[in-house]
Amino acid sequence: MTSTKTSLTDIEIANGAKLRPIVDVAADLGLGEDDIELYGKYKAKIAYQSIERILADKSKRRGKLILVSAITPTKAGEGKTTTSVGLAQALRKIGKRAIVALREPSMGPVFGQKGGGTGGGYSQLMPMDDINLHFNGDLHAIGAANNLLAALIDNHIHFGNALNIDQRAISFRRALDMNDRSLRDLVQGIGGRANGIVRETGFDITAASEVMATLCLADSISDLRRRLAAIVVAKAAGGAPVTAEQLEAAAAMTIVLKDAIKPNLVQTLDGTPAFVHGGPFANIAHGTSSVLSSLLALRLSDYVVTEAGFGADLGLEKFCDIVASLRPELAPDAVVIVATVKALKLHGGVAESDLAGENVVAVEKGFVNLEKHIENVRNFGVPPVVCINKFTGDSAAELAHVLALCQAKGIKAVTADVWARGGDGAMELAELVVAQADGKSDFSPIYKLDAPIVEKLNAVASKIYGAASVEFSSEALKELKWLDKNGYGNLPVCVAKTQYSFSDDATLLGAPSGFKLNIRQLRLSAGAGFVVAITGEIMTMPGLPKKPASVVMDLDASGKIARFY
């Protein structure tokens, strides 16, 4: 690409793209017009009957699954989605049938600090503005289903409380797909009896909700209904769990989600097929796109590129210990760890304000962070490939030094320039990943599924984070006893912690060790099938930064977005 092209912004590049009709993209996958439900010319959902037929067809062999993760990021992110898109584009360029299967962006980060979630430059998902905003309505449906259940809880109590729900032990919260710190904790029902019961409650961001996780882990409509019914919303006065099934909510919630469960088909900037479906956060929830979209992609292509949010300590660990351990078909055949010079310098002690300057010494010092993520991937028995995602300000000396450090440690590594060059910037990465994915993988989760929660948390804390011990608050210990007593004591664990450190302290950079992992709270997500362990100061409803991305956005008189994050 010329310097003129690469000086364009993401939205300018997207606005200039010529997209293929989505029916043509579907045809590349062997899907006909009856297999898709059109949402305009460039977006579609896969018809549910077609999903069932494809997944039931035993003649369709499973493709190779490539999982993209990253080192511990800077606040600006390391370009994991951009790399995932660029890798899929490159695989297609070298003659492979490839699909990229990614999460849907949440509008909270889009309008907040992180910006969009569709990649960037010449490795973007299209149409990027639709995907980043309302897309095909999935997140709105998930929020509506979530809030329907919340309303049914209060309505049940208002009309007599036949289930004897303890109003102080209602754990299910409302959800909103926008960052809003003012909604984290509130009092509802004020203004008189007609306005419902007065109690403390709050909102979670939709991407962190149990309904989001439940939808993304369901493999069919019947499985979704079963999982929704299992959601524990509160405790009865005697301590017994109260479920959505007891509130007769599961059928109605499934109706709200009947279209949201269908994977969305779009394309990359160069027309590579892309499934974009589901959007759980990886620092709070399990951080991967839907099981259904991954299973479908594996039946329709030879190579599927998917990503797990944030670093290998978060999304990758959860993908391996929650998703793939329950569904061996989704075990990764290869892992790509995205690293950047700026992140290595940050972990090498350079202040965020000084990351633009060349500092080979800091790169080497920060390499310990990358090494720990490589170790984490190898702990799961999967071969890792390091991709150094090239940024404009990176010096040749810094890039060369990272490659030399990897080579000295026997780590396969390449640079990629996917933002500026699209698939052409990841050809070497694609060849290396194919070789790794086609080789031997001895995938194995970190812990056994039937192990107690404490044992699982200790395994993740010590083997993945480098912690010396796990410390539970009195509230967490009380909840642990309740989980054991009520048959939830052997569920997988989903640790909610900061994405900026292996520890629960965002200021501990590099590869800290010997620290305590502090479990502040345990939250049961029975529908999703795991227990969320909330650590440190992690919030399930983010706030907006001092200068949100929303303040720089604008559109022209025709309604086309001209400036975007």
Protein backbone atom coordinates (compact mmCIF):
# COMPACT_ATOMS: atom_id res chain seq x y z
CA MET A 1 0.00 0.00 0.00
CA THR A 2 1.21 3.52 -0.67
CA SER A 3 1.84 6.05 2.05
CA THR A 4 -1.19 8.00 0.79
CA LYS A 5 -3.46 5.02 1.37
CA THR A 6 -2.07 4.18 4.78
CA SER A 7 -2.56 7.79 5.92
CA LEU A 8 -6.33 7.28 5.67
CA THR A 9 -8.35 6.63 8.82
CA ASP A 10 -10.22 3.39 9.43
CA ILE A 11 -13.58 4.96 8.61
CA GLU A 12 -12.20 6.56 5.43
CA ILE A 13 -10.85 3.19 4.30
CA ALA A 14 -14.18 1.53 5.18
CA ASN A 15 -16.22 4.17 3.37
CA GLY A 16 -14.14 3.61 0.23
CA ALA A 17 -14.53 -0.17 0.24
CA LYS A 18 -16.46 -1.98 -2.48
CA LEU A 19 -18.24 -4.87 -0.81
CA ARG A 20 -19.39 -8.12 -2.34
CA PRO A 21 -23.11 -8.94 -2.08
CA ILE A 22 -23.49 -11.15 0.96
CA VAL A 23 -25.17 -13.83 -1.20
CA ASP A 24 -21.85 -14.19 -3.06
CA VAL A 25 -19.90 -14.46 0.21
CA ALA A 26 -22.34 -17.14 1.36
CA ALA A 27 -21.86 -19.01 -1.94
CA ASP A 28 -18.13 -19.25 -1.19
CA LEU A 29 -19.13 -21.33 1.84
CA GLY A 30 -21.52 -23.52 -0.12
CA LEU A 31 -24.57 -21.71 1.25
CA GLY A 32 -27.52 -20.94 -0.99
CA GLU A 33 -30.11 -18.19 -0.74
CA ASP A 34 -32.39 -20.42 1.36
CA ASP A 35 -29.57 -20.86 3.89
CA ILE A 36 -29.32 -17.18 4.77
CA GLU A 37 -31.66 -14.46 6.04
CA LEU A 38 -30.73 -11.11 4.53
CA TYR A 39 -30.29 -7.98 6.64
CA GLY A 40 -29.74 -5.69 3.65
CA LYS A 41 -27.20 -6.32 0.85
CA TYR A 42 -24.12 -6.92 3.00
CA LYS A 43 -25.28 -8.67 6.17
CA ALA A 44 -27.11 -11.91 6.83
CA LYS A 45 -27.94 -14.46 9.47
CA ILE A 46 -27.63 -18.18 8.88
CA ALA A 47 -31.08 -19.80 8.84
CA TYR A 48 -31.54 -22.01 11.88
CA GLN A 49 -32.71 -25.05 9.87
CA SER A 50 -29.53 -24.78 7.78
CA ILE A 51 -27.39 -24.66 10.92
CA GLU A 52 -29.00 -27.86 12.18
CA ARG A 53 -28.52 -29.57 8.81
CA ILE A 54 -24.85 -28.59 8.47
CA LEU A 55 -23.92 -29.58 12.03
CA ALA A 56 -25.72 -32.92 11.65
CA ASP A 57 -23.92 -33.74 8.39
CA LYS A 58 -21.20 -36.19 9.42
CA SER A 59 -19.62 -36.06 5.97
CA LYS A 60 -18.38 -32.52 6.59
CA ARG A 61 -14.96 -32.83 8.15
CA ARG A 62 -13.75 -30.49 10.88
CA GLY A 63 -11.40 -27.70 9.83
CA LYS A 64 -8.44 -26.47 11.85
CA LEU A 65 -9.06 -23.96 14.64
CA ILE A 66 -6.55 -21.12 15.07
CA LEU A 67 -6.97 -19.20 18.31
CA VAL A 68 -5.56 -15.65 18.44
CA SER A 69 -4.52 -14.27 21.82
CA ALA A 70 -2.08 -11.59 22.95
CA ILE A 71 0.35 -10.42 25.57
CA THR A 72 -0.83 -8.23 28.44
CA PRO A 73 -2.09 -5.15 26.58
CA THR A 74 -1.68 -1.42 26.81
CA LYS A 75 -4.85 0.65 27.18
CA ALA A 76 -4.88 1.23 23.42
CA GLY A 77 -4.94 -2.51 22.68
CA GLU A 78 -2.47 -4.48 20.58
CA GLY A 79 -4.49 -5.07 17.40
CA LYS A 80 -5.63 -8.62 18.08
CA THR A 81 -8.80 -8.26 16.01
CA THR A 82 -6.90 -6.56 13.19
CA THR A 83 -4.40 -9.43 13.23
CA SER A 84 -7.18 -12.03 13.24
CA VAL A 85 -8.83 -10.42 10.23
CA GLY A 86 -5.50 -10.00 8.43
CA LEU A 87 -4.55 -13.62 9.08
CA ALA A 88 -7.84 -14.90 7.64
CA GLN A 89 -7.33 -12.69 4.59
CA ALA A 90 -3.78 -14.04 4.17
CA LEU A 91 -4.93 -17.66 4.50
CA ARG A 92 -7.38 -17.05 1.68
CA LYS A 93 -4.63 -15.46 -0.41
CA ILE A 94 -2.45 -18.57 -0.10
CA GLY A 95 -5.33 -20.71 -1.36
CA LYS A 96 -6.92 -21.91 1.88
CA ARG A 97 -10.66 -21.95 2.59
CA ALA A 98 -10.76 -19.68 5.63
CA ILE A 99 -13.32 -17.99 7.85
CA VAL A 100 -12.71 -15.50 10.64
CA ALA A 101 -15.14 -15.94 13.57
CA LEU A 102 -15.16 -13.00 15.96
CA ARG A 103 -17.21 -11.31 18.65
CA GLU A 104 -19.64 -8.46 18.17
CA PRO A 105 -18.46 -5.11 19.58
CA SER A 106 -20.24 -3.61 22.57
CA MET A 107 -21.37 0.00 22.17
CA GLY A 108 -20.00 0.86 25.62
CA PRO A 109 -16.35 0.55 24.55
CA VAL A 110 -17.14 1.84 21.03
CA PHE A 111 -18.30 5.16 22.47
CA GLY A 112 -15.90 5.00 25.43
CA GLN A 113 -12.18 4.32 25.58
CA LYS A 114 -11.43 1.26 23.47
CA GLY A 115 -13.16 2.31 20.26
CA GLY A 116 -14.55 -0.14 17.74
CA GLY A 117 -14.09 -3.88 17.58
CA THR A 118 -13.88 -4.53 13.84
CA GLY A 119 -10.13 -4.37 13.26
CA GLY A 120 -8.52 -1.53 11.39
CA GLY A 121 -6.82 -0.24 8.27
CA TYR A 122 -6.95 -2.80 5.47
CA SER A 123 -7.86 -5.63 7.84
CA GLN A 124 -11.38 -4.67 8.85
CA LEU A 125 -14.75 -6.35 9.13
CA MET A 126 -17.37 -4.87 6.83
CA PRO A 127 -19.67 -3.01 7.09
CA MET A 128 -17.65 -1.70 10.02
CA ASP A 129 -20.03 1.06 11.12
CA ASP A 130 -23.06 -1.27 11.26
CA ILE A 131 -21.15 -3.98 13.14
CA ASN A 132 -19.82 -1.47 15.69
CA LEU A 133 -23.25 0.01 16.32
CA HIS A 134 -26.58 -1.87 16.32
CA PHE A 135 -25.53 -4.57 13.82
CA ASN A 136 -28.35 -7.14 13.48
CA GLY A 137 -29.81 -6.39 16.90
CA ASP A 138 -28.25 -9.26 18.86
CA LEU A 139 -26.98 -7.22 21.81
CA HIS A 140 -30.27 -5.37 22.11
CA ALA A 141 -32.13 -8.70 22.16
CA ILE A 142 -29.78 -10.04 24.83
CA GLY A 143 -30.36 -6.93 26.95
CA ALA A 144 -34.12 -7.24 26.47
CA ALA A 145 -34.17 -10.92 27.46
CA ASN A 146 -32.02 -10.13 30.50
CA ASN A 147 -34.29 -7.29 31.59
CA LEU A 148 -37.43 -9.34 30.99
CA LEU A 149 -36.18 -11.83 33.57
CA ALA A 150 -35.30 -9.01 35.97
CA ALA A 151 -38.80 -7.57 35.58
CA LEU A 152 -40.39 -10.98 36.19
CA ILE A 153 -38.50 -11.33 39.48
CA ASP A 154 -39.86 -8.03 40.81
CA ASN A 155 -43.31 -8.73 39.38
CA HIS A 156 -43.43 -12.09 41.15
CA ILE A 157 -42.62 -10.47 44.47
CA HIS A 158 -45.12 -7.65 43.86
CA PHE A 159 -47.93 -10.18 43.38
CA GLY A 160 -47.41 -12.17 46.54
CA ASN A 161 -43.96 -13.79 46.32
CA ALA A 162 -45.16 -17.41 46.16
CA LEU A 163 -41.55 -18.60 45.84
CA ASN A 164 -40.66 -16.84 49.11
CA ILE A 165 -37.75 -14.99 47.47
CA ASP A 166 -35.45 -13.26 49.94
CA GLN A 167 -35.39 -9.69 48.64
CA ARG A 168 -31.91 -9.21 50.11
CA ALA A 169 -30.59 -12.20 48.15
CA ILE A 170 -31.61 -11.31 44.60
CA SER A 171 -28.44 -11.74 42.55
CA PHE A 172 -29.74 -11.14 39.03
CA ARG A 173 -29.19 -7.59 37.76
CA ARG A 174 -30.41 -5.56 34.81
CA ALA A 175 -28.17 -4.93 31.78
CA LEU A 176 -27.37 -2.08 29.42
CA ASP A 177 -25.07 -2.02 26.37
CA MET A 178 -23.39 1.23 27.35
CA ASN A 179 -20.77 2.28 29.88
CA ASP A 180 -22.47 4.11 32.76
CA ARG A 181 -20.83 4.13 36.18
CA SER A 182 -23.90 5.76 37.75
CA LEU A 183 -25.88 2.54 37.24
CA ARG A 184 -23.46 0.22 39.05
CA ASP A 185 -25.40 0.44 42.30
CA LEU A 186 -28.83 1.97 42.82
CA VAL A 187 -32.09 1.76 44.73
CA GLN A 188 -35.18 0.76 42.76
CA GLY A 189 -38.89 0.90 43.44
CA ILE A 190 -39.06 4.28 45.15
CA GLY A 191 -42.21 6.36 44.79
CA GLY A 192 -44.80 4.12 46.39
CA ARG A 193 -46.04 0.53 46.31
CA ALA A 194 -47.33 0.83 42.75
CA ASN A 195 -43.70 1.19 41.57
CA GLY A 196 -42.63 -2.20 42.87
CA ILE A 197 -40.45 -3.25 45.76
CA VAL A 198 -37.75 -1.03 47.19
CA ARG A 199 -34.38 -2.76 47.15
CA GLU A 200 -30.75 -2.25 46.25
CA THR A 201 -29.73 -3.46 42.81
CA GLY A 202 -27.69 -2.31 39.80
CA PHE A 203 -26.80 -2.77 36.16
CA ASP A 204 -24.10 -4.79 34.40
CA ILE A 205 -22.97 -4.01 30.89
CA THR A 206 -24.73 -6.42 28.49
CA ALA A 207 -21.43 -7.98 27.40
CA ALA A 208 -20.81 -9.04 31.01
CA SER A 209 -24.31 -10.40 31.61
CA GLU A 210 -25.12 -14.03 32.24
CA VAL A 211 -27.59 -14.03 29.35
CA MET A 212 -24.77 -13.02 26.97
CA ALA A 213 -22.57 -15.86 28.22
CA THR A 214 -25.48 -18.28 28.09
CA LEU A 215 -26.34 -17.46 24.48
CA CYS A 216 -22.69 -17.77 23.43
CA LEU A 217 -22.26 -21.20 25.02
CA ALA A 218 -25.55 -22.70 23.73
CA ASP A 219 -25.35 -25.00 20.69
CA SER A 220 -29.06 -25.05 19.79
CA ILE A 221 -32.35 -23.36 20.60
CA SER A 222 -33.31 -26.23 22.91
CA ASP A 223 -29.94 -25.97 24.68
CA LEU A 224 -30.44 -22.22 25.01
CA ARG A 225 -33.86 -22.69 26.60
CA ARG A 226 -32.47 -25.31 29.00
CA ARG A 227 -29.62 -23.00 30.00
CA LEU A 228 -31.88 -19.97 30.45
CA ALA A 229 -34.16 -22.02 32.68
CA ALA A 230 -31.18 -22.92 34.88
CA ILE A 231 -30.24 -19.30 35.65
CA VAL A 232 -30.31 -18.74 39.41
CA VAL A 233 -31.81 -15.33 40.10
CA ALA A 234 -32.06 -15.31 43.89
CA LYS A 235 -32.23 -17.37 47.06
CA ALA A 236 -35.42 -18.26 48.85
CA ALA A 237 -35.82 -17.33 52.50
CA GLY A 238 -34.46 -20.74 53.49
CA GLY A 239 -31.43 -20.43 51.20
CA ALA A 240 -32.57 -22.63 48.30
CA PRO A 241 -31.79 -21.38 44.76
CA VAL A 242 -34.60 -19.73 42.80
CA THR A 243 -34.35 -20.23 39.05
CA ALA A 244 -35.73 -18.66 35.89
CA GLU A 245 -37.60 -21.93 35.32
CA GLN A 246 -39.51 -21.42 38.58
CA LEU A 247 -40.45 -17.94 37.38
CA GLU A 248 -41.66 -19.47 34.07
CA ALA A 249 -39.32 -17.12 32.21
CA ALA A 250 -37.30 -19.44 29.97
CA ALA A 251 -39.75 -19.75 27.08
CA ALA A 252 -40.34 -16.00 26.79
CA MET A 253 -36.60 -15.26 27.00
CA THR A 254 -35.91 -17.82 24.27
CA ILE A 255 -38.53 -16.17 22.07
CA VAL A 256 -36.76 -12.82 22.48
CA LEU A 257 -33.47 -14.53 21.53
CA LYS A 258 -34.75 -16.76 18.69
CA ASP A 259 -33.01 -14.66 16.03
CA ALA A 260 -30.06 -13.56 18.16
CA ILE A 261 -28.87 -17.18 18.42
CA LYS A 262 -28.32 -17.34 14.64
CA PRO A 263 -24.71 -16.49 13.65
CA ASN A 264 -24.20 -13.36 11.55
CA LEU A 265 -22.39 -13.58 8.21
CA VAL A 266 -20.42 -10.56 6.98
CA GLN A 267 -17.07 -10.13 5.21
CA THR A 268 -13.65 -8.58 5.59
CA LEU A 269 -12.46 -5.64 3.52
CA ASP A 270 -11.26 -8.02 0.77
CA GLY A 271 -14.37 -10.23 0.82
CA THR A 272 -13.17 -13.04 3.11
CA PRO A 273 -16.18 -14.65 4.89
CA ALA A 274 -16.63 -13.67 8.53
CA PHE A 275 -18.96 -14.86 11.28
CA VAL A 276 -19.49 -12.16 13.91
CA HIS A 277 -21.61 -13.39 16.78
CA GLY A 278 -21.83 -12.80 20.52
CA GLY A 279 -19.66 -10.46 22.54
CA PRO A 280 -18.79 -11.48 26.11
CA PHE A 281 -15.98 -9.46 27.70
CA ALA A 282 -12.85 -11.47 28.50
CA ASN A 283 -11.91 -9.56 31.65
CA ILE A 284 -15.36 -10.24 33.14
CA ALA A 285 -16.98 -13.08 31.16
CA HIS A 286 -15.40 -15.81 29.00
CA GLY A 287 -14.43 -13.56 26.08
CA THR A 288 -15.04 -15.61 22.93
CA SER A 289 -17.53 -15.61 20.08
CA SER A 290 -20.42 -18.05 20.14
CA VAL A 291 -19.95 -21.80 20.22
CA LEU A 292 -22.51 -22.08 17.43
CA SER A 293 -20.59 -19.80 15.06
CA SER A 294 -17.32 -21.65 15.74
CA LEU A 295 -18.87 -25.07 15.20
CA LEU A 296 -20.52 -23.88 12.00
CA ALA A 297 -17.31 -22.27 10.70
CA LEU A 298 -15.34 -25.47 11.32
CA ARG A 299 -17.79 -27.38 9.10
CA LEU A 300 -17.71 -24.82 6.30
CA SER A 301 -13.97 -24.14 5.94
CA ASP A 302 -10.52 -25.65 6.30
CA TYR A 303 -9.17 -23.00 8.66
CA VAL A 304 -11.09 -20.94 11.22
CA VAL A 305 -9.45 -17.93 12.84
CA THR A 306 -11.06 -16.92 16.11
CA GLU A 307 -9.88 -14.77 18.98
CA ALA A 308 -10.04 -14.83 22.74
CA GLY A 309 -10.19 -11.42 24.38
CA PHE A 310 -7.18 -9.71 25.97
CA GLY A 311 -4.14 -11.82 26.93
CA ALA A 312 -3.53 -15.53 27.27
CA ASP A 313 -4.24 -15.17 31.00
CA LEU A 314 -7.84 -14.15 30.29
CA GLY A 315 -9.65 -15.06 27.07
CA LEU A 316 -7.35 -17.90 26.05
CA GLU A 317 -7.45 -19.54 29.49
CA LYS A 318 -11.24 -19.31 29.52
CA PHE A 319 -11.55 -20.62 25.99
CA CYS A 320 -9.40 -23.61 26.89
CA ASP A 321 -10.79 -24.34 30.35
CA ILE A 322 -14.46 -23.52 29.75
CA VAL A 323 -15.29 -23.74 26.04
CA ALA A 324 -12.88 -26.34 24.68
CA SER A 325 -12.84 -28.54 27.76
CA LEU A 326 -16.62 -28.95 27.49
CA ARG A 327 -16.53 -29.24 23.68
CA PRO A 328 -13.40 -31.09 22.51
CA GLU A 329 -14.28 -30.25 18.88
CA LEU A 330 -13.29 -26.65 19.71
CA ALA A 331 -9.81 -27.47 20.99
CA PRO A 332 -7.36 -25.11 19.22
CA ASP A 333 -4.89 -26.60 16.73
CA ALA A 334 -2.59 -23.57 16.92
CA VAL A 335 -2.37 -20.34 18.89
CA VAL A 336 -1.15 -16.96 17.71
CA ILE A 337 0.12 -14.60 20.42
CA VAL A 338 -0.02 -11.00 19.24
CA ALA A 339 2.77 -8.84 20.64
CA THR A 340 3.65 -5.21 20.03
CA VAL A 341 6.81 -3.22 20.61
CA LYS A 342 4.89 -0.63 22.60
CA ALA A 343 3.42 -3.22 24.98
CA LEU A 344 6.85 -4.78 25.53
CA LYS A 345 8.27 -1.34 26.32
CA LEU A 346 5.43 -0.67 28.77
CA HIS A 347 6.21 -3.92 30.59
CA GLY A 348 9.87 -2.97 30.43
CA GLY A 349 9.23 0.10 32.56
CA VAL A 350 8.55 2.85 30.00
CA ALA A 351 5.76 5.30 30.87
CA GLU A 352 2.73 5.32 28.56
CA SER A 353 3.55 8.87 27.52
CA ASP A 354 7.03 7.80 26.33
CA LEU A 355 6.17 4.67 24.35
CA ALA A 356 6.78 6.36 21.00
CA GLY A 357 10.55 6.68 21.53
CA GLU A 358 12.96 3.88 20.53
CA ASN A 359 14.08 1.82 23.52
CA VAL A 360 15.57 -1.58 22.71
CA VAL A 361 16.64 -2.10 26.33
CA ALA A 362 13.04 -1.75 27.55
CA VAL A 363 11.85 -4.13 24.83
CA GLU A 364 14.21 -6.78 26.17
CA LYS A 365 13.23 -6.10 29.77
CA GLY A 366 9.51 -6.37 28.92
CA PHE A 367 10.04 -9.62 27.03
CA VAL A 368 9.34 -11.50 30.29
CA ASN A 369 5.65 -10.71 29.81
CA LEU A 370 5.60 -12.32 26.38
CA GLU A 371 7.54 -15.33 27.71
CA LYS A 372 4.92 -15.89 30.40
CA HIS A 373 2.11 -15.87 27.83
CA ILE A 374 4.04 -18.35 25.69
CA GLU A 375 4.45 -20.56 28.75
CA ASN A 376 0.70 -20.32 29.38
CA VAL A 377 -0.10 -21.49 25.86
CA ARG A 378 2.34 -24.39 26.15
CA ASN A 379 0.68 -25.34 29.46
CA PHE A 380 -2.37 -26.26 27.37
CA GLY A 381 -0.28 -28.41 25.01
CA VAL A 382 -0.82 -26.19 21.96
CA PRO A 383 2.01 -24.90 19.73
CA PRO A 384 2.26 -21.07 19.88
CA VAL A 385 3.29 -18.66 17.13
CA VAL A 386 4.27 -15.10 18.04
CA CYS A 387 3.04 -12.37 15.71
CA ILE A 388 4.66 -8.97 16.20
CA ASN A 389 1.97 -6.59 15.04
CA LYS A 390 3.80 -3.72 13.37
CA PHE A 391 2.87 -0.14 14.18
CA THR A 392 4.01 2.95 12.26
CA GLY A 393 6.29 4.21 15.06
CA ASP A 394 8.12 0.93 15.64
CA SER A 395 11.82 1.13 14.82
CA ALA A 396 13.57 -1.52 12.73
CA ALA A 397 15.96 -2.13 15.62
CA GLU A 398 13.11 -2.82 18.06
CA LEU A 399 11.32 -5.20 15.70
CA ALA A 400 14.53 -7.05 14.90
CA HIS A 401 15.36 -7.38 18.59
CA VAL A 402 11.99 -8.98 19.42
CA LEU A 403 12.52 -11.52 16.63
CA ALA A 404 16.03 -12.22 17.89
CA LEU A 405 14.80 -12.73 21.47
CA CYS A 406 12.15 -15.18 20.23
CA GLN A 407 14.67 -17.06 18.09
CA ALA A 408 17.07 -17.34 21.03
CA LYS A 409 14.28 -18.96 23.08
CA GLY A 410 13.26 -21.33 20.27
CA ILE A 411 9.98 -19.51 19.70
CA LYS A 412 8.52 -19.27 16.20
CA ALA A 413 7.88 -15.58 15.47
CA VAL A 414 7.21 -13.27 12.53
CA THR A 415 6.21 -9.64 12.03
CA ALA A 416 2.94 -8.69 10.37
CA ASP A 417 1.80 -5.41 8.85
CA VAL A 418 -1.90 -6.07 8.44
CA TRP A 419 -3.18 -2.57 9.20
CA ALA A 420 -1.32 -1.05 6.26
CA ARG A 421 -1.23 -4.03 3.89
CA GLY A 422 -4.18 -6.28 4.75
CA GLY A 423 -3.69 -9.96 3.95
CA ASP A 424 -0.48 -9.17 2.05
CA GLY A 425 1.04 -8.12 5.38
CA ALA A 426 0.43 -11.53 6.98
CA MET A 427 1.50 -14.01 4.29
CA GLU A 428 4.48 -15.28 6.29
CA LEU A 429 2.29 -15.57 9.38
CA ALA A 430 -0.31 -17.55 7.43
CA GLU A 431 2.28 -20.07 6.16
CA LEU A 432 3.70 -20.53 9.64
CA VAL A 433 0.27 -20.95 11.22
CA VAL A 434 -0.78 -23.56 8.65
CA ALA A 435 2.37 -25.56 9.41
CA GLN A 436 1.66 -25.38 13.13
CA ALA A 437 -2.06 -26.16 12.83
CA ASP A 438 -1.41 -29.14 10.57
CA GLY A 439 1.10 -30.54 13.06
CA LYS A 440 0.55 -32.23 16.39
CA SER A 441 -1.37 -30.61 19.23
CA ASP A 442 -1.72 -32.24 22.65
CA PHE A 443 -4.44 -29.99 24.01
CA SER A 444 -5.35 -30.42 27.65
CA PRO A 445 -7.14 -28.03 30.06
CA ILE A 446 -5.35 -26.71 33.15
CA TYR A 447 -7.76 -28.36 35.58
CA LYS A 448 -10.13 -31.33 35.66
CA LEU A 449 -13.81 -30.53 35.15
CA ASP A 450 -14.87 -32.41 38.27
CA ALA A 451 -12.38 -30.62 40.56
CA PRO A 452 -13.72 -28.35 43.34
CA ILE A 453 -13.87 -24.60 42.71
CA VAL A 454 -11.01 -23.82 45.10
CA GLU A 455 -8.76 -26.33 43.36
CA LYS A 456 -9.62 -24.85 39.97
CA LEU A 457 -8.93 -21.30 41.12
CA ASN A 458 -5.61 -22.35 42.63
CA ALA A 459 -4.62 -24.04 39.36
CA VAL A 460 -5.41 -20.94 37.26
CA ALA A 461 -3.80 -18.58 39.77
CA SER A 462 -0.55 -20.52 40.06
CA LYS A 463 -0.10 -21.95 36.55
CA ILE A 464 -1.47 -19.05 34.48
CA TYR A 465 -1.03 -15.93 36.62
CA GLY A 466 2.06 -16.85 38.65
CA ALA A 467 0.34 -16.23 42.00
CA ALA A 468 1.58 -17.79 45.22
CA SER A 469 -1.86 -18.14 46.78
CA VAL A 470 -5.55 -17.36 46.50
CA GLU A 471 -7.27 -15.41 49.24
CA PHE A 472 -11.08 -15.38 49.61
CA SER A 473 -13.07 -12.60 51.25
CA SER A 474 -15.55 -13.61 53.94
CA GLU A 475 -18.38 -12.97 51.48
CA ALA A 476 -16.75 -15.23 48.87
CA LEU A 477 -16.21 -18.00 51.42
CA LYS A 478 -19.86 -17.82 52.45
CA GLU A 479 -20.94 -18.08 48.81
CA LEU A 480 -18.53 -20.97 48.26
CA LYS A 481 -20.26 -22.98 50.99
CA TRP A 482 -23.64 -22.22 49.43
CA LEU A 483 -22.43 -23.33 45.99
CA ASP A 484 -21.12 -26.61 47.39
CA LYS A 485 -24.31 -27.26 49.33
CA ASN A 486 -26.57 -26.65 46.32
CA GLY A 487 -24.72 -28.71 43.74
CA TYR A 488 -22.71 -25.99 41.98
CA GLY A 489 -19.35 -26.71 43.61
CA ASN A 490 -17.72 -28.36 40.60
CA LEU A 491 -18.50 -25.88 37.84
CA PRO A 492 -15.69 -24.33 35.75
CA VAL A 493 -14.40 -20.98 36.99
CA CYS A 494 -14.39 -17.70 35.07
CA VAL A 495 -12.03 -15.21 36.71
CA ALA A 496 -12.98 -11.54 36.38
CA LYS A 497 -9.82 -9.48 36.76
CA THR A 498 -7.92 -6.58 35.27
CA GLN A 499 -6.58 -7.11 31.76
CA TYR A 500 -3.51 -4.98 32.42
CA SER A 501 -1.63 -7.39 34.69
CA PHE A 502 -1.28 -11.09 35.43
CA SER A 503 -2.30 -10.15 38.97
CA ASP A 504 -5.46 -8.42 40.20
CA ASP A 505 -3.45 -5.19 40.54
CA ALA A 506 -3.26 -3.26 37.26
CA THR A 507 0.00 -1.58 38.31
CA LEU A 508 1.98 -4.85 38.54
CA LEU A 509 3.44 -5.06 35.04
CA GLY A 510 5.85 -7.49 33.41
CA ALA A 511 5.56 -11.01 34.83
CA PRO A 512 4.94 -10.63 38.58
CA SER A 513 5.06 -13.69 40.81
CA GLY A 514 4.53 -14.61 44.43
CA PHE A 515 1.46 -12.38 44.85
CA LYS A 516 -1.94 -13.16 46.34
CA LEU A 517 -4.97 -13.36 44.05
CA ASN A 518 -7.81 -11.74 46.00
CA ILE A 519 -11.26 -13.21 45.35
CA ARG A 520 -13.71 -10.52 46.41
CA GLN A 521 -16.93 -12.20 45.31
CA LEU A 522 -18.25 -15.39 43.69
CA ARG A 523 -21.20 -15.11 41.30
CA LEU A 524 -23.02 -18.14 40.01
CA SER A 525 -23.77 -18.18 36.27
CA ALA A 526 -25.69 -21.45 36.19
CA GLY A 527 -27.09 -20.82 32.70
CA ALA A 528 -23.62 -20.31 31.26
CA GLY A 529 -22.37 -23.19 33.38
CA PHE A 530 -19.60 -21.50 35.35
CA VAL A 531 -18.87 -19.53 38.50
CA VAL A 532 -17.49 -16.00 38.12
CA ALA A 533 -14.72 -15.17 40.58
CA ILE A 534 -14.51 -11.38 40.89
CA THR A 535 -11.06 -10.19 41.90
CA GLY A 536 -9.57 -6.89 43.03
CA GLU A 537 -11.40 -3.78 41.87
CA ILE A 538 -12.87 -5.18 38.64
CA MET A 539 -16.24 -3.66 37.69
CA THR A 540 -19.06 -5.36 35.77
CA MET A 541 -20.30 -1.97 34.59
CA PRO A 542 -17.47 0.15 33.12
CA GLY A 543 -17.41 3.94 33.19
CA LEU A 544 -16.60 6.39 30.42
CA PRO A 545 -13.14 8.03 30.32
CA LYS A 546 -12.59 11.78 30.71
CA LYS A 547 -12.66 12.19 26.92
CA PRO A 548 -14.86 9.42 25.49
CA ALA A 549 -14.48 8.34 21.86
CA SER A 550 -18.02 9.64 21.32
CA VAL A 551 -16.87 13.28 21.45
CA VAL A 552 -14.78 12.96 18.27
CA MET A 553 -17.44 11.17 16.20
CA ASP A 554 -19.39 12.94 13.48
CA LEU A 555 -21.45 12.29 10.36
CA ASP A 556 -22.06 14.23 7.17
CA ALA A 557 -25.32 15.69 5.82
CA SER A 558 -26.13 12.45 3.99
CA GLY A 559 -26.01 10.44 7.22
CA LYS A 560 -22.67 8.74 6.46
CA ILE A 561 -20.24 8.54 9.39
CA ALA A 562 -17.26 10.80 8.64
CA ARG A 563 -15.33 10.48 11.93
CA PHE A 564 -15.46 7.37 14.09
CA TYR A 565 -13.50 6.76 17.31
